Amino acid sequence: MTRFFLLCTLIITFQTVQSQTFIRSELPTQVSTPWEVSFGPDNFLWLTESGGNVIRVNPENGDKVVVYTAPDYFSGSPLENSLLCPNASIGSGTLGLALHPDFMEAGSSFIYFVYSYNSGTDLAPATKFRIKRLTWDVNTNSIVSDTNVVNMISNGYDHFGGRLIAVKQNNIPYLFLSIGDHGKSEDSAPDCYSPQSTNPNNFTQDVTTQNGKIHRFNEDGSIPTDNPITGNSFYTRGHRNPQGLMYNPNLNVIYDIEHGDRTDDEINILHKGMNYGWKNVRGYHDDNSYIGEATSVANYSPHPLIQDDSLVEPLFSWCNSPSTTDSWSDWCTVAPSGGRYYGSNTIPQWNNSLLVVTLKDGLSTDKEVYQFKLLANGQLATSTALNPNPKKFFGNDQDLNGRLRDIAVSNDGKSIYLINNGGTTSDKIIVYQYEETTSTGHPNLELFPNPVSDILSIKGLDHYYDLKKVQMYNLLGVTVNFELDADYKIDVSHLSSGIHFIYLIFEHQTYTFKFIKI
């Protein structure tokens, strides 16, 4: 006899014939402030974590190896903190990581990662970020050399960006780096800059500054000759805090994910040289979510050195209603962070989708995964009441999962890996494994009585010893919490009237049972 307390959640969505089940687990790996996770072509997980570490984790058993620690990692100095904002510390940390697109090929086994270092002295510290390239020996599974490829990446007191991807365009490998606007919000921290015109977030449009931009480099850190402005690393501008970059290989399209300020978190399709509006234009151009936005759009003046320069609307914008409160938890922004393009047929409903994780547990937001279904042209599929776009997953597990910083997908498309930093008692690597189910019952198992008003029994279950999980959900696919007692009975008196489903997940098969609550 077994009593099941449903502490872990399975999320179910319906299809005509098949349904989706994700089984949650955690790797036993101990990680410290992980920021990036990638599933490599070598079938290992690659992560960055605090202190300038690059780690490699076996997804089968969670074994962890620290493959490199930056010897010059620097966590900033109190001497750099703001006198106007005593709590405003200079930016530091270990941020994005990218594997070369031809990682498994000889001569291209490069790992790139971003971390903070001291470009000054002990008495006059100047914390900056850099991109370091590590050369990996696929035969000995070790780092054999390291090179600084981009130095003196700008810094500030907030909004650091820091995401890094390596992709090929026209068969040429490039590095893309996101850098935030570095400025404290004048709404949340109005006294941090005097005058306010010195706030770095005023310079995201300025092509002579690094902040508030997505940058493109060659694989050796040099600047591509076909960047928007000769000799300038910027690729796009007008970004607030771009914490995610996603690559769609089918269309050679890069998407960025960025935080808004109280409103207008965004997903953008990046077009070379274009302007994404921050801070005068936020989110959709016609929603008037920011005072003066319509005037800025109408009076936009293209940059004379940028070919076809124009403002570009986001692919998607969360939360375009102006905030009426100073409480962070009240804002409808979701704080989106990392993301991945999902291009596998393993989860048919997810093929050709963007998966985006969020950091915020607020009054109207959860720490969860958003799935954005795309059309063949890379735009969003239409959202309807019966088939919403985006869909949300794993929000019921947010107390277990914490603040979701990044997401990775196994090469077979079956396992989803999430990392958190903060929001729980420890940082962790979370796994959601997809299980396809087609069975709709078992001849030796029965729900009784059905319909039911109070106590539902699962008859015949005591003869089976390979039961792994039991899950209940309603007709809309929303998970229902319950307890299965030692006699395999469930109190359903608290449920709303209507159709519900029970999933019995065994070692090698999952069975679905329908019952009616009256």
Protein backbone atom coordinates (compact mmCIF):
# COMPACT_ATOMS: atom_id res chain seq x y z
CA MET A 1 0.00 0.00 0.00
CA THR A 2 1.31 3.45 -0.87
CA ARG A 3 0.13 6.94 -0.05
CA PHE A 4 0.89 9.55 -2.73
CA PHE A 5 1.33 13.20 -1.86
CA LEU A 6 1.46 15.12 -5.11
CA LEU A 7 4.32 17.49 -4.47
CA CYS A 8 5.50 17.56 -8.08
CA THR A 9 3.28 18.69 -10.91
CA LEU A 10 2.69 17.25 -14.37
CA ILE A 11 1.25 19.63 -16.94
CA ILE A 12 -1.21 18.19 -19.44
CA THR A 13 -2.47 19.73 -22.69
CA PHE A 14 -5.00 18.05 -24.96
CA GLN A 15 -4.75 16.98 -28.56
CA THR A 16 -7.29 15.09 -30.67
CA VAL A 17 -5.62 11.68 -30.34
CA GLN A 18 -2.60 12.16 -28.13
CA SER A 19 -1.93 14.09 -24.94
CA GLN A 20 1.20 15.48 -23.35
CA THR A 21 2.71 14.53 -20.03
CA PHE A 22 5.87 15.95 -18.50
CA ILE A 23 7.46 14.13 -15.59
CA ARG A 24 9.42 16.42 -13.31
CA SER A 25 12.70 15.52 -11.62
CA GLU A 26 15.85 17.25 -10.39
CA LEU A 27 19.43 16.33 -11.10
CA PRO A 28 21.47 15.81 -7.89
CA THR A 29 24.03 18.33 -9.18
CA GLN A 30 25.01 21.09 -6.77
CA VAL A 31 25.26 24.37 -8.66
CA SER A 32 25.96 27.92 -7.49
CA THR A 33 24.16 30.81 -9.19
CA PRO A 34 23.96 29.19 -12.63
CA TRP A 35 23.18 31.66 -15.41
CA GLU A 36 23.38 29.81 -18.71
CA VAL A 37 22.58 26.21 -19.63
CA SER A 38 23.11 24.67 -23.07
CA PHE A 39 22.72 21.10 -24.24
CA GLY A 40 25.82 20.41 -26.28
CA PRO A 41 26.25 18.24 -29.38
CA ASP A 42 28.30 15.98 -27.09
CA ASN A 43 25.07 15.20 -25.17
CA PHE A 44 26.29 16.98 -22.04
CA LEU A 45 24.92 20.05 -20.30
CA TRP A 46 27.18 23.11 -20.28
CA LEU A 47 26.62 25.81 -17.66
CA THR A 48 28.16 28.95 -16.27
CA GLU A 49 28.07 29.52 -12.53
CA SER A 50 29.39 31.98 -9.97
CA GLY A 51 33.07 32.77 -9.65
CA GLY A 52 33.91 32.52 -13.35
CA ASN A 53 33.18 28.79 -13.60
CA VAL A 54 32.29 26.82 -16.70
CA ILE A 55 30.88 23.42 -15.78
CA ARG A 56 29.95 20.28 -17.71
CA VAL A 57 27.18 18.06 -16.35
CA ASN A 58 26.21 14.53 -17.32
CA PRO A 59 22.42 14.68 -17.78
CA GLU A 60 22.09 10.96 -17.05
CA ASN A 61 23.39 11.08 -13.47
CA GLY A 62 24.11 14.74 -12.70
CA ASP A 63 27.89 14.29 -12.37
CA LYS A 64 29.53 17.71 -12.53
CA VAL A 65 33.02 18.71 -13.68
CA VAL A 66 34.35 22.26 -13.40
CA VAL A 67 36.22 22.44 -16.70
CA TYR A 68 37.49 26.01 -16.25
CA THR A 69 37.64 28.82 -13.69
CA ALA A 70 38.66 32.28 -14.89
CA PRO A 71 41.83 33.16 -12.93
CA ASP A 72 41.10 36.90 -13.25
CA TYR A 73 37.43 36.74 -12.25
CA PHE A 74 36.52 39.85 -10.24
CA SER A 75 33.28 40.37 -8.34
CA GLY A 76 33.48 44.16 -8.22
CA SER A 77 34.55 46.53 -5.47
CA PRO A 78 32.64 48.77 -3.03
CA LEU A 79 34.90 51.57 -4.29
CA GLU A 80 32.90 51.51 -7.52
CA ASN A 81 29.49 51.80 -5.89
CA SER A 82 27.32 54.86 -6.42
CA LEU A 83 27.46 57.66 -3.86
CA LEU A 84 23.94 58.70 -4.84
CA CYS A 85 22.62 55.12 -4.59
CA PRO A 86 24.33 53.42 -1.62
CA ASN A 87 22.75 50.08 -2.56
CA ALA A 88 23.74 50.29 -6.22
CA SER A 89 26.68 47.91 -6.66
CA ILE A 90 28.73 47.75 -9.82
CA GLY A 91 27.75 44.86 -12.09
CA SER A 92 29.61 41.56 -11.82
CA GLY A 93 29.06 37.86 -12.38
CA THR A 94 29.41 34.95 -14.74
CA LEU A 95 26.86 35.33 -17.52
CA GLY A 96 26.33 33.85 -20.99
CA LEU A 97 27.95 30.83 -22.62
CA ALA A 98 27.96 29.61 -26.22
CA LEU A 99 29.42 26.62 -28.02
CA HIS A 100 30.84 27.10 -31.50
CA PRO A 101 28.35 25.93 -34.18
CA ASP A 102 30.91 23.28 -35.27
CA PHE A 103 31.87 22.34 -31.73
CA MET A 104 32.58 18.67 -32.45
CA GLU A 105 34.80 19.36 -35.45
CA ALA A 106 38.57 19.66 -35.17
CA GLY A 107 39.69 23.27 -35.00
CA SER A 108 36.26 24.55 -33.93
CA SER A 109 35.83 23.07 -30.44
CA PHE A 110 35.45 26.48 -28.84
CA ILE A 111 33.52 27.49 -25.71
CA TYR A 112 32.77 31.17 -25.24
CA PHE A 113 31.63 32.69 -21.98
CA VAL A 114 31.14 36.11 -20.37
CA TYR A 115 32.42 37.14 -16.94
CA SER A 116 33.50 40.23 -14.98
CA TYR A 117 37.12 41.22 -14.44
CA ASN A 118 39.05 44.24 -13.12
CA SER A 119 40.33 46.43 -15.92
CA GLY A 120 41.76 48.85 -13.36
CA THR A 121 43.89 48.43 -10.23
CA ASP A 122 43.29 47.44 -6.62
CA LEU A 123 43.18 51.10 -5.56
CA ALA A 124 41.26 52.26 -8.62
CA PRO A 125 39.11 49.27 -9.65
CA ALA A 126 37.12 49.35 -12.90
CA THR A 127 34.96 46.26 -13.30
CA LYS A 128 34.21 45.36 -16.90
CA PHE A 129 33.03 42.23 -18.69
CA ARG A 130 34.88 40.16 -21.26
CA ILE A 131 34.31 37.23 -23.57
CA LYS A 132 36.84 34.44 -23.21
CA ARG A 133 37.29 31.62 -25.70
CA LEU A 134 38.23 28.18 -24.39
CA THR A 135 39.59 25.43 -26.65
CA TRP A 136 38.17 22.02 -25.79
CA ASP A 137 39.90 18.75 -26.57
CA VAL A 138 37.13 16.30 -27.44
CA ASN A 139 39.48 13.34 -26.95
CA THR A 140 40.70 14.17 -23.44
CA ASN A 141 37.58 16.13 -22.39
CA SER A 142 39.68 19.04 -21.12
CA ILE A 143 40.48 22.68 -21.82
CA VAL A 144 43.81 23.01 -23.63
CA SER A 145 43.99 26.80 -24.13
CA ASP A 146 42.15 30.04 -23.41
CA THR A 147 42.05 33.41 -25.17
CA ASN A 148 40.42 36.75 -24.35
CA VAL A 149 38.52 37.66 -27.52
CA VAL A 150 36.46 40.72 -26.44
CA ASN A 151 37.54 43.00 -23.58
CA MET A 152 36.29 46.19 -21.94
CA ILE A 153 32.60 45.37 -22.26
CA SER A 154 30.72 48.23 -20.60
CA ASN A 155 29.23 48.05 -17.13
CA GLY A 156 26.94 49.94 -14.77
CA TYR A 157 24.58 49.53 -11.81
CA ASP A 158 21.74 47.61 -13.43
CA HIS A 159 20.51 45.83 -16.59
CA PHE A 160 23.60 43.99 -17.76
CA GLY A 161 22.14 41.75 -20.46
CA GLY A 162 24.97 39.26 -20.87
CA ARG A 163 23.44 36.59 -23.09
CA LEU A 164 25.74 35.06 -25.72
CA ILE A 165 25.05 32.85 -28.73
CA ALA A 166 27.24 31.55 -31.54
CA VAL A 167 25.55 30.96 -34.91
CA LYS A 168 26.38 30.82 -38.58
CA GLN A 169 25.05 33.36 -41.06
CA ASN A 170 25.83 32.65 -44.72
CA ASN A 171 28.06 29.86 -43.42
CA ILE A 172 30.19 32.32 -41.39
CA PRO A 173 30.30 31.84 -37.59
CA TYR A 174 29.48 34.89 -35.48
CA LEU A 175 29.13 35.73 -31.80
CA PHE A 176 26.14 37.77 -30.64
CA LEU A 177 26.25 39.47 -27.23
CA SER A 178 23.43 41.34 -25.51
CA ILE A 179 24.27 44.37 -23.35
CA GLY A 180 21.63 46.11 -21.24
CA ASP A 181 21.19 49.85 -20.76
CA HIS A 182 23.12 49.79 -17.41
CA GLY A 183 20.82 52.43 -15.88
CA LYS A 184 18.67 52.36 -12.79
CA SER A 185 15.06 53.18 -13.62
CA GLU A 186 14.21 56.84 -13.03
CA ASP A 187 10.78 55.72 -11.86
CA SER A 188 12.04 53.26 -9.25
CA ALA A 189 15.27 55.08 -8.29
CA PRO A 190 14.83 58.76 -9.21
CA ASP A 191 17.78 59.99 -7.11
CA CYS A 192 20.49 57.71 -8.51
CA TYR A 193 21.64 60.15 -11.20
CA SER A 194 22.08 63.88 -10.86
CA PRO A 195 21.20 65.22 -13.30
CA GLN A 196 18.96 62.43 -14.65
CA SER A 197 20.35 63.14 -18.13
CA THR A 198 23.51 61.27 -17.06
CA ASN A 199 21.57 58.03 -16.60
CA PRO A 200 23.11 55.50 -19.03
CA ASN A 201 19.66 54.43 -20.18
CA ASN A 202 19.46 57.70 -22.13
CA PHE A 203 22.19 56.48 -24.50
CA THR A 204 20.77 53.25 -25.88
CA GLN A 205 20.19 54.98 -29.24
CA ASP A 206 23.74 56.37 -29.32
CA VAL A 207 25.83 54.21 -31.64
CA THR A 208 29.05 55.38 -29.94
CA THR A 209 28.08 53.57 -26.70
CA GLN A 210 27.91 49.82 -26.07
CA ASN A 211 24.94 49.77 -23.71
CA GLY A 212 21.38 48.96 -24.77
CA LYS A 213 22.49 47.00 -27.82
CA ILE A 214 23.00 43.59 -29.36
CA HIS A 215 26.57 43.27 -30.67
CA ARG A 216 27.99 41.02 -33.37
CA PHE A 217 31.61 39.81 -33.49
CA ASN A 218 33.61 37.40 -35.57
CA GLU A 219 34.59 34.18 -33.84
CA ASP A 220 37.99 35.68 -32.95
CA GLY A 221 36.41 38.80 -31.41
CA SER A 222 37.07 41.14 -34.33
CA ILE A 223 34.30 43.24 -35.86
CA PRO A 224 32.64 41.95 -39.05
CA THR A 225 33.11 44.18 -42.07
CA ASP A 226 29.39 44.07 -42.88
CA ASN A 227 28.14 45.29 -39.48
CA PRO A 228 25.69 48.23 -39.73
CA ILE A 229 28.47 50.79 -39.16
CA THR A 230 32.05 50.06 -40.20
CA GLY A 231 34.29 49.35 -37.22
CA ASN A 232 31.35 49.26 -34.78
CA SER A 233 30.28 46.02 -33.07
CA PHE A 234 26.63 47.03 -32.64
CA TYR A 235 24.07 44.98 -34.57
CA THR A 236 20.79 46.39 -33.17
CA ARG A 237 20.05 49.17 -30.68
CA GLY A 238 17.30 50.49 -28.43
CA HIS A 239 17.20 47.59 -25.93
CA ARG A 240 16.59 47.85 -22.17
CA ASN A 241 17.70 44.59 -20.57
CA PRO A 242 18.03 41.84 -23.20
CA GLN A 243 18.61 38.68 -21.17
CA GLY A 244 17.80 36.12 -23.83
CA LEU A 245 18.88 35.30 -27.38
CA MET A 246 17.32 32.51 -29.46
CA TYR A 247 18.27 31.25 -32.92
CA ASN A 248 15.86 29.78 -35.47
CA PRO A 249 18.10 27.83 -37.88
CA ASN A 250 15.29 27.24 -40.37
CA LEU A 251 15.06 30.95 -41.15
CA ASN A 252 18.47 32.14 -39.94
CA VAL A 253 16.58 34.41 -37.54
CA ILE A 254 17.70 35.63 -34.10
CA TYR A 255 15.18 36.62 -31.46
CA ASP A 256 15.93 38.61 -28.33
CA ILE A 257 14.08 38.56 -25.01
CA GLU A 258 14.13 41.65 -22.82
CA HIS A 259 12.69 43.14 -19.66
CA GLY A 260 10.50 46.21 -19.80
CA ASP A 261 10.17 48.81 -17.06
CA ARG A 262 6.85 48.11 -15.31
CA THR A 263 5.33 47.44 -18.75
CA ASP A 264 6.27 45.97 -22.11
CA ASP A 265 8.52 42.97 -21.72
CA GLU A 266 9.40 42.04 -25.30
CA ILE A 267 10.40 39.36 -27.77
CA ASN A 268 11.97 40.86 -30.89
CA ILE A 269 13.11 39.54 -34.24
CA LEU A 270 16.52 41.11 -34.77
CA HIS A 271 17.10 42.88 -38.08
CA LYS A 272 20.60 44.19 -38.74
CA GLY A 273 20.99 47.87 -37.89
CA MET A 274 17.43 48.40 -36.70
CA ASN A 275 16.18 50.30 -33.65
CA TYR A 276 13.92 48.67 -31.06
CA GLY A 277 12.87 51.89 -29.42
CA TRP A 278 13.99 51.92 -25.79
CA LYS A 279 13.47 54.09 -23.95
CA ASN A 280 11.11 56.44 -25.77
CA VAL A 281 9.21 53.63 -27.51
CA ARG A 282 8.16 50.62 -25.45
CA GLY A 283 6.35 47.55 -26.74
CA TYR A 284 3.82 47.91 -29.53
CA HIS A 285 3.94 51.26 -31.26
CA ASP A 286 0.25 52.07 -31.02
CA ASP A 287 -0.61 51.07 -27.45
CA ASN A 288 0.30 54.39 -25.78
CA SER A 289 1.82 52.55 -22.82
CA TYR A 290 4.34 55.36 -22.32
CA ILE A 291 3.80 59.12 -22.35
CA GLY A 292 5.17 60.61 -25.57
CA GLU A 293 5.51 57.24 -27.30
CA ALA A 294 3.21 58.12 -30.22
CA THR A 295 5.14 61.34 -30.85
CA SER A 296 8.47 59.50 -30.82
CA VAL A 297 7.18 56.99 -33.37
CA ALA A 298 5.72 59.69 -35.63
CA ASN A 299 8.84 61.86 -35.53
CA TYR A 300 11.51 59.16 -35.77
CA SER A 301 14.59 60.31 -37.64
CA PRO A 302 16.72 57.54 -39.21
CA HIS A 303 20.44 57.49 -38.44
CA PRO A 304 22.35 58.77 -41.49
CA LEU A 305 25.04 56.06 -41.24
CA ILE A 306 22.62 53.10 -40.95
CA GLN A 307 21.08 51.77 -44.13
CA ASP A 308 17.25 51.71 -44.06
CA ASP A 309 17.24 52.54 -40.35
CA SER A 310 13.79 52.36 -38.77
CA LEU A 311 11.92 51.50 -35.59
CA VAL A 312 10.84 47.87 -35.31
CA GLU A 313 7.86 46.61 -33.31
CA PRO A 314 8.26 43.57 -31.08
CA LEU A 315 7.11 40.15 -32.19
CA PHE A 316 5.33 39.95 -28.83
CA SER A 317 4.94 42.28 -25.87
CA TRP A 318 3.71 41.31 -22.43
CA CYS A 319 1.92 43.79 -20.23
CA ASN A 320 1.16 46.94 -22.22
CA SER A 321 -1.05 48.54 -19.56
CA PRO A 322 0.59 51.42 -17.68
CA SER A 323 1.31 50.62 -14.03
CA THR A 324 -0.68 52.47 -11.38
CA THR A 325 1.27 51.22 -8.37
CA ASP A 326 4.84 51.26 -7.08
CA SER A 327 4.63 47.64 -5.93
CA TRP A 328 6.82 45.39 -8.09
CA SER A 329 4.60 42.37 -7.50
CA ASP A 330 1.59 44.26 -8.88
CA TRP A 331 3.15 44.96 -12.26
CA CYS A 332 2.05 42.66 -15.06
CA THR A 333 5.59 42.31 -16.39
CA VAL A 334 6.80 38.70 -16.25
CA ALA A 335 10.60 39.30 -16.18
CA PRO A 336 11.49 36.99 -19.11
CA SER A 337 15.04 35.66 -19.11
CA GLY A 338 16.50 32.84 -21.21
CA GLY A 339 14.90 31.03 -24.12
CA ARG A 340 15.38 28.38 -26.79
CA TYR A 341 13.97 27.65 -30.22
CA TYR A 342 12.30 24.22 -30.27
CA GLY A 343 12.48 22.58 -33.69
CA SER A 344 11.91 18.91 -32.90
CA ASN A 345 8.97 16.68 -33.83
CA THR A 346 9.33 14.78 -30.55
CA ILE A 347 6.76 17.05 -28.92
CA PRO A 348 4.57 17.62 -31.98
CA GLN A 349 2.64 20.52 -30.48
CA TRP A 350 5.90 22.36 -29.75
CA ASN A 351 7.59 21.98 -33.10
CA ASN A 352 8.62 25.40 -34.47
CA SER A 353 8.15 27.22 -31.16
CA LEU A 354 10.01 29.61 -28.89
CA LEU A 355 10.33 28.51 -25.25
CA VAL A 356 10.88 31.39 -22.82
CA VAL A 357 11.41 31.19 -19.04
CA THR A 358 10.42 33.86 -16.52
CA LEU A 359 11.72 35.03 -13.18
CA LYS A 360 8.75 36.65 -11.50
CA ASP A 361 6.18 35.40 -9.03
CA GLY A 362 3.77 38.34 -8.75
CA LEU A 363 0.09 38.84 -8.17
CA SER A 364 -0.71 38.04 -11.80
CA THR A 365 2.51 36.30 -12.91
CA ASP A 366 4.24 32.98 -12.25
CA LYS A 367 7.73 31.65 -12.72
CA GLU A 368 7.06 29.39 -15.68
CA VAL A 369 7.77 28.47 -19.30
CA TYR A 370 5.97 30.20 -22.18
CA GLN A 371 5.57 28.36 -25.49
CA PHE A 372 5.15 30.65 -28.51
CA LYS A 373 3.99 28.75 -31.58
CA LEU A 374 5.45 30.15 -34.81
CA LEU A 375 4.32 30.17 -38.39
CA ALA A 376 6.63 29.00 -41.15
CA ASN A 377 7.77 32.62 -41.68
CA GLY A 378 8.84 33.01 -38.04
CA GLN A 379 5.89 35.17 -37.00
CA LEU A 380 3.48 34.18 -34.22
CA ALA A 381 0.62 31.83 -35.00
CA THR A 382 -2.83 33.26 -34.31
CA SER A 383 -4.06 33.05 -30.74
CA THR A 384 -7.64 31.94 -30.12
CA ALA A 385 -9.73 31.21 -27.04
CA LEU A 386 -9.56 27.46 -27.73
CA ASN A 387 -5.92 27.48 -28.80
CA PRO A 388 -4.12 30.34 -27.03
CA ASN A 389 -0.69 31.50 -28.15
CA PRO A 390 1.41 31.63 -26.04
CA LYS A 391 0.69 28.67 -23.77
CA LYS A 392 2.14 28.44 -20.27
CA PHE A 393 3.75 25.43 -18.59
CA PHE A 394 5.05 24.39 -15.17
CA GLY A 395 3.75 27.44 -13.28
CA ASN A 396 2.23 25.20 -10.63
CA ASP A 397 5.78 24.10 -9.77
CA GLN A 398 7.16 27.58 -9.20
CA ASP A 399 7.71 27.07 -5.46
CA LEU A 400 9.85 24.03 -6.32
CA ASN A 401 11.57 25.56 -9.34
CA GLY A 402 12.35 29.11 -8.21
CA ARG A 403 13.40 31.97 -10.50
CA LEU A 404 13.90 30.38 -13.92
CA ARG A 405 17.03 31.83 -15.49
CA ASP A 406 17.51 29.67 -18.59
CA ILE A 407 16.30 26.64 -20.52
CA ALA A 408 17.93 23.94 -22.65
CA VAL A 409 16.55 21.08 -24.73
CA SER A 410 18.10 17.65 -25.23
CA ASN A 411 19.18 16.77 -28.75
CA ASP A 412 16.31 14.29 -29.10
CA GLY A 413 13.82 16.98 -28.06
CA LYS A 414 12.44 14.86 -25.20
CA SER A 415 13.96 16.47 -22.11
CA ILE A 416 13.61 20.09 -21.04
CA TYR A 417 16.27 21.42 -18.64
CA LEU A 418 15.66 24.50 -16.49
CA ILE A 419 18.05 26.29 -14.16
CA ASN A 420 17.15 28.68 -11.38
CA ASN A 421 19.16 31.14 -9.37
CA GLY A 422 17.15 32.21 -6.37
CA GLY A 423 13.58 31.67 -5.30
CA THR A 424 14.21 28.36 -3.53
CA THR A 425 16.49 27.09 -0.76
CA SER A 426 19.10 26.02 -3.33
CA ASP A 427 19.92 26.47 -7.00
CA LYS A 428 19.28 23.43 -9.15
CA ILE A 429 18.91 21.79 -12.53
CA ILE A 430 15.29 20.81 -13.15
CA VAL A 431 14.25 18.23 -15.74
CA TYR A 432 10.87 17.85 -17.43
CA GLN A 433 10.79 14.68 -19.48
CA TYR A 434 8.13 14.36 -22.13
CA GLU A 435 6.03 11.20 -22.12
CA GLU A 436 3.73 10.50 -25.04
CA THR A 437 0.56 8.67 -24.11
CA THR A 438 -2.09 7.13 -26.33
CA SER A 439 -3.81 4.59 -24.06
CA THR A 440 -7.22 5.51 -22.71
CA GLY A 441 -7.79 2.86 -20.09
CA HIS A 442 -6.80 -0.53 -18.70
CA PRO A 443 -9.11 -3.56 -18.65
CA ASN A 444 -8.24 -4.45 -15.05
CA LEU A 445 -8.52 -0.92 -13.60
CA GLU A 446 -11.70 1.02 -12.92
CA LEU A 447 -12.84 4.31 -11.36
CA PHE A 448 -15.87 3.80 -9.11
CA PRO A 449 -18.43 5.24 -8.68
CA ASN A 450 -18.59 7.20 -11.89
CA PRO A 451 -20.26 9.74 -11.84
CA VAL A 452 -19.09 10.56 -8.31
CA SER A 453 -20.02 13.19 -5.74
CA ASP A 454 -17.54 12.66 -2.88
CA ILE A 455 -15.20 9.60 -2.72
CA LEU A 456 -13.67 8.14 -5.88
CA SER A 457 -12.00 4.71 -5.73
CA ILE A 458 -9.43 3.27 -8.14
CA LYS A 459 -10.29 -0.43 -8.23
CA GLY A 460 -7.59 -2.97 -9.10
CA LEU A 461 -4.60 -0.69 -8.46
CA ASP A 462 -3.38 -2.76 -5.49
CA HIS A 463 -2.30 -5.50 -7.92
CA TYR A 464 0.31 -3.29 -9.63
CA TYR A 465 3.76 -2.47 -8.30
CA ASP A 466 5.30 -0.32 -11.06
CA LEU A 467 3.10 2.75 -10.56
CA LYS A 468 5.25 5.90 -10.76
CA LYS A 469 2.85 8.85 -10.70
CA VAL A 470 -0.83 9.68 -10.36
CA GLN A 471 -2.14 12.96 -11.75
CA MET A 472 -5.54 14.60 -12.07
CA TYR A 473 -6.55 17.43 -14.37
CA ASN A 474 -9.76 19.07 -15.51
CA LEU A 475 -11.23 19.43 -18.98
CA LEU A 476 -9.11 22.55 -19.67
CA GLY A 477 -5.89 20.74 -18.87
CA VAL A 478 -5.38 22.48 -15.52
CA THR A 479 -3.70 20.33 -12.88
CA VAL A 480 -5.84 19.44 -9.85
CA ASN A 481 -4.14 18.75 -6.52
CA PHE A 482 -5.35 15.79 -4.46
CA GLU A 483 -4.27 12.97 -2.15
CA LEU A 484 -4.56 9.28 -2.88
CA ASP A 485 -5.02 7.44 0.40
CA ALA A 486 -3.76 3.99 1.38
CA ASP A 487 -6.93 2.38 0.04
CA TYR A 488 -6.57 4.10 -3.34
CA LYS A 489 -9.45 6.46 -2.64
CA ILE A 490 -9.65 10.15 -3.48
CA ASP A 491 -11.84 12.79 -1.87
CA VAL A 492 -13.25 14.75 -4.82
CA SER A 493 -16.00 16.57 -2.94
CA HIS A 494 -14.16 19.88 -3.34
CA LEU A 495 -13.95 19.66 -7.12
CA SER A 496 -16.16 21.67 -9.44
CA SER A 497 -18.83 19.76 -11.32
CA GLY A 498 -17.87 18.46 -14.73
CA ILE A 499 -15.46 16.13 -16.52
CA HIS A 500 -12.07 15.34 -14.98
CA PHE A 501 -9.25 12.96 -15.91
CA ILE A 502 -6.92 10.69 -13.95
CA TYR A 503 -3.50 9.74 -15.31
CA LEU A 504 -1.96 6.52 -13.98
CA ILE A 505 1.68 6.55 -15.04
CA PHE A 506 3.39 3.18 -14.86
CA GLU A 507 6.98 2.24 -15.66
CA HIS A 508 6.31 1.64 -19.35
CA GLN A 509 2.80 2.92 -20.02
CA THR A 510 0.40 5.67 -19.07
CA TYR A 511 -3.37 5.17 -18.86
CA THR A 512 -6.04 7.85 -18.93
CA PHE A 513 -9.39 7.55 -17.14
CA LYS A 514 -12.31 9.95 -17.32
CA PHE A 515 -14.79 10.59 -14.53
CA ILE A 516 -17.67 12.98 -13.97
CA LYS A 517 -17.95 14.98 -10.76
CA ILE A 518 -21.59 15.70 -9.86
